N, C-alpha and C. Protein backbone atom coordinates (compact mmCIF):
# COMPACT_ATOMS: atom_id res chain seq x y z
N MET A 1 71.49 81.13 119.84
CA MET A 1 72.61 81.47 118.98
C MET A 1 73.40 80.20 118.69
N THR A 2 73.68 79.98 117.43
CA THR A 2 74.48 78.83 117.03
C THR A 2 75.91 79.27 116.74
N VAL A 3 76.80 78.30 116.61
CA VAL A 3 78.20 78.58 116.30
C VAL A 3 78.31 79.37 115.00
N GLU A 4 77.55 78.96 114.00
CA GLU A 4 77.63 79.61 112.69
C GLU A 4 77.21 81.08 112.76
N ARG A 5 76.14 81.35 113.47
CA ARG A 5 75.69 82.74 113.59
C ARG A 5 76.63 83.56 114.46
N ALA A 6 77.22 82.95 115.47
CA ALA A 6 78.18 83.64 116.33
C ALA A 6 79.42 84.03 115.54
N ILE A 7 79.85 83.16 114.64
CA ILE A 7 81.01 83.48 113.78
C ILE A 7 80.69 84.66 112.88
N LEU A 8 79.52 84.64 112.25
CA LEU A 8 79.13 85.76 111.38
C LEU A 8 79.08 87.07 112.17
N LEU A 9 78.53 87.03 113.36
CA LEU A 9 78.45 88.22 114.20
C LEU A 9 79.83 88.71 114.61
N THR A 10 80.70 87.80 115.02
CA THR A 10 82.04 88.17 115.47
C THR A 10 82.87 88.76 114.34
N VAL A 11 82.95 88.07 113.22
CA VAL A 11 83.78 88.55 112.11
C VAL A 11 83.19 89.82 111.50
N GLY A 12 81.87 89.86 111.35
CA GLY A 12 81.24 91.07 110.83
C GLY A 12 81.49 92.27 111.71
N GLY A 13 81.38 92.08 113.02
CA GLY A 13 81.65 93.16 113.96
C GLY A 13 83.09 93.63 113.92
N LEU A 14 84.02 92.68 113.84
CA LEU A 14 85.44 93.04 113.77
C LEU A 14 85.76 93.80 112.48
N ILE A 15 85.13 93.43 111.38
CA ILE A 15 85.37 94.13 110.12
C ILE A 15 84.84 95.55 110.19
N ILE A 16 83.64 95.73 110.73
CA ILE A 16 83.09 97.08 110.87
C ILE A 16 83.97 97.93 111.78
N ILE A 17 84.40 97.37 112.89
CA ILE A 17 85.26 98.10 113.82
C ILE A 17 86.58 98.49 113.16
N SER A 18 87.19 97.55 112.42
CA SER A 18 88.48 97.86 111.79
C SER A 18 88.35 98.93 110.71
N VAL A 19 87.25 98.91 109.97
CA VAL A 19 87.04 99.95 108.95
C VAL A 19 86.82 101.31 109.61
N LEU A 20 86.02 101.34 110.68
CA LEU A 20 85.82 102.61 111.39
C LEU A 20 87.12 103.12 111.98
N LEU A 21 87.93 102.23 112.54
CA LEU A 21 89.24 102.65 113.06
C LEU A 21 90.13 103.17 111.94
N ALA A 22 90.06 102.56 110.77
CA ALA A 22 90.87 103.02 109.64
C ALA A 22 90.43 104.41 109.19
N VAL A 23 89.13 104.68 109.23
CA VAL A 23 88.63 105.98 108.80
C VAL A 23 88.96 107.07 109.82
N TYR A 24 88.77 106.77 111.10
CA TYR A 24 88.87 107.81 112.12
C TYR A 24 90.19 107.84 112.89
N VAL A 25 90.98 106.76 112.85
CA VAL A 25 92.21 106.73 113.64
C VAL A 25 93.44 106.64 112.74
N ASN A 26 93.58 105.51 112.03
CA ASN A 26 94.78 105.30 111.21
C ASN A 26 94.45 104.29 110.13
N ILE A 27 94.87 104.58 108.92
CA ILE A 27 94.59 103.72 107.76
C ILE A 27 95.15 102.31 107.92
N ASN A 28 96.17 102.15 108.77
CA ASN A 28 96.79 100.84 108.97
C ASN A 28 95.85 99.82 109.60
N TRP A 29 94.73 100.26 110.16
CA TRP A 29 93.75 99.31 110.71
C TRP A 29 93.13 98.44 109.62
N LEU A 30 93.27 98.85 108.36
CA LEU A 30 92.75 98.02 107.27
C LEU A 30 93.51 96.70 107.16
N TRP A 31 94.70 96.64 107.74
CA TRP A 31 95.42 95.36 107.77
C TRP A 31 94.59 94.31 108.53
N LEU A 32 93.92 94.73 109.58
CA LEU A 32 93.07 93.79 110.32
C LEU A 32 91.94 93.26 109.44
N THR A 33 91.35 94.13 108.64
CA THR A 33 90.31 93.70 107.71
C THR A 33 90.86 92.67 106.73
N GLY A 34 92.05 92.92 106.20
CA GLY A 34 92.67 91.98 105.27
C GLY A 34 93.00 90.66 105.92
N ILE A 35 93.48 90.70 107.15
CA ILE A 35 93.81 89.46 107.87
C ILE A 35 92.54 88.65 108.12
N LEU A 36 91.46 89.32 108.50
CA LEU A 36 90.19 88.62 108.73
C LEU A 36 89.70 87.96 107.44
N GLY A 37 89.81 88.67 106.32
CA GLY A 37 89.41 88.09 105.04
C GLY A 37 90.26 86.89 104.66
N ALA A 38 91.56 87.02 104.85
CA ALA A 38 92.47 85.90 104.55
C ALA A 38 92.16 84.70 105.43
N HIS A 39 91.85 84.95 106.70
CA HIS A 39 91.52 83.85 107.60
C HIS A 39 90.22 83.16 107.18
N LEU A 40 89.24 83.92 106.73
CA LEU A 40 87.99 83.32 106.26
C LEU A 40 88.23 82.41 105.05
N VAL A 41 89.08 82.86 104.14
CA VAL A 41 89.42 82.03 102.97
C VAL A 41 90.15 80.77 103.43
N GLN A 42 91.14 80.92 104.31
CA GLN A 42 91.89 79.77 104.83
C GLN A 42 90.96 78.80 105.54
N ALA A 43 90.06 79.30 106.37
CA ALA A 43 89.16 78.44 107.12
C ALA A 43 88.19 77.69 106.20
N SER A 44 87.82 78.31 105.08
CA SER A 44 86.91 77.63 104.15
C SER A 44 87.57 76.43 103.50
N PHE A 45 88.90 76.48 103.33
CA PHE A 45 89.60 75.35 102.72
C PHE A 45 90.00 74.29 103.74
N THR A 46 90.43 74.72 104.94
CA THR A 46 90.96 73.77 105.91
C THR A 46 89.95 73.34 106.96
N GLY A 47 88.94 74.16 107.20
CA GLY A 47 87.97 73.86 108.24
C GLY A 47 88.50 74.15 109.63
N LEU A 48 89.67 74.78 109.73
CA LEU A 48 90.30 75.08 111.02
C LEU A 48 90.07 76.54 111.38
N CYS A 49 89.36 76.76 112.49
CA CYS A 49 89.10 78.11 112.96
C CYS A 49 89.11 78.11 114.48
N PRO A 50 90.06 78.80 115.10
CA PRO A 50 90.14 78.82 116.56
C PRO A 50 88.89 79.40 117.22
N VAL A 51 88.25 80.36 116.57
CA VAL A 51 87.06 80.97 117.15
C VAL A 51 85.91 79.96 117.21
N VAL A 52 85.80 79.11 116.20
CA VAL A 52 84.77 78.07 116.21
C VAL A 52 85.02 77.11 117.37
N MET A 53 86.28 76.74 117.57
CA MET A 53 86.61 75.85 118.68
C MET A 53 86.24 76.49 120.02
N MET A 54 86.48 77.81 120.14
CA MET A 54 86.14 78.51 121.37
C MET A 54 84.63 78.51 121.61
N PHE A 55 83.86 78.81 120.56
CA PHE A 55 82.40 78.83 120.71
C PHE A 55 81.85 77.45 121.04
N LYS A 56 82.45 76.41 120.48
CA LYS A 56 82.00 75.05 120.80
C LYS A 56 82.30 74.71 122.25
N ARG A 57 83.46 75.16 122.75
CA ARG A 57 83.79 74.93 124.16
C ARG A 57 82.85 75.68 125.10
N LEU A 58 82.34 76.82 124.61
CA LEU A 58 81.38 77.58 125.40
C LEU A 58 80.00 76.93 125.40
N GLY A 59 79.83 75.91 124.57
CA GLY A 59 78.58 75.17 124.56
C GLY A 59 77.55 75.62 123.55
N LEU A 60 77.95 76.44 122.59
CA LEU A 60 76.99 76.85 121.56
C LEU A 60 76.70 75.66 120.64
N PRO A 61 75.43 75.48 120.30
CA PRO A 61 75.10 74.37 119.39
C PRO A 61 75.48 74.69 117.96
N SER A 62 75.69 73.67 117.17
CA SER A 62 76.03 73.84 115.76
C SER A 62 74.84 73.42 114.91
N LYS A 63 74.55 74.20 113.89
CA LYS A 63 73.44 73.90 112.99
C LYS A 63 73.92 74.10 111.56
N PRO A 64 73.96 73.06 110.75
CA PRO A 64 74.49 73.20 109.40
C PRO A 64 73.59 74.06 108.51
N GLY A 65 74.22 74.88 107.68
CA GLY A 65 73.49 75.65 106.69
C GLY A 65 72.73 76.82 107.27
N PHE A 66 72.08 77.55 106.39
CA PHE A 66 71.26 78.68 106.79
C PHE A 66 69.81 78.38 106.52
N THR A 67 68.94 78.89 107.39
CA THR A 67 67.52 78.70 107.20
C THR A 67 66.81 80.02 107.11
C-alpha cells in the first residue's frame, strides 16, 4: 500500500460512511462529506494534507501517479 492509495481508501471510506450516516441517522452528516471535498480541493492547491504526513510517518512508501 502506498501513501496515494491509502489516501484514496481513507477519504473514499469516510465519504461512504458520512453518506450512510446522513441517510440513516441525520442529514447533517453531509457536512462531513462537504468538508472532505473542500479539503481535497485545498490539498490539491497547497499540497498540505495532515493525513499524508501521518501515512508517511507510518512508513508507507510514496509512488507518483497511477499505474
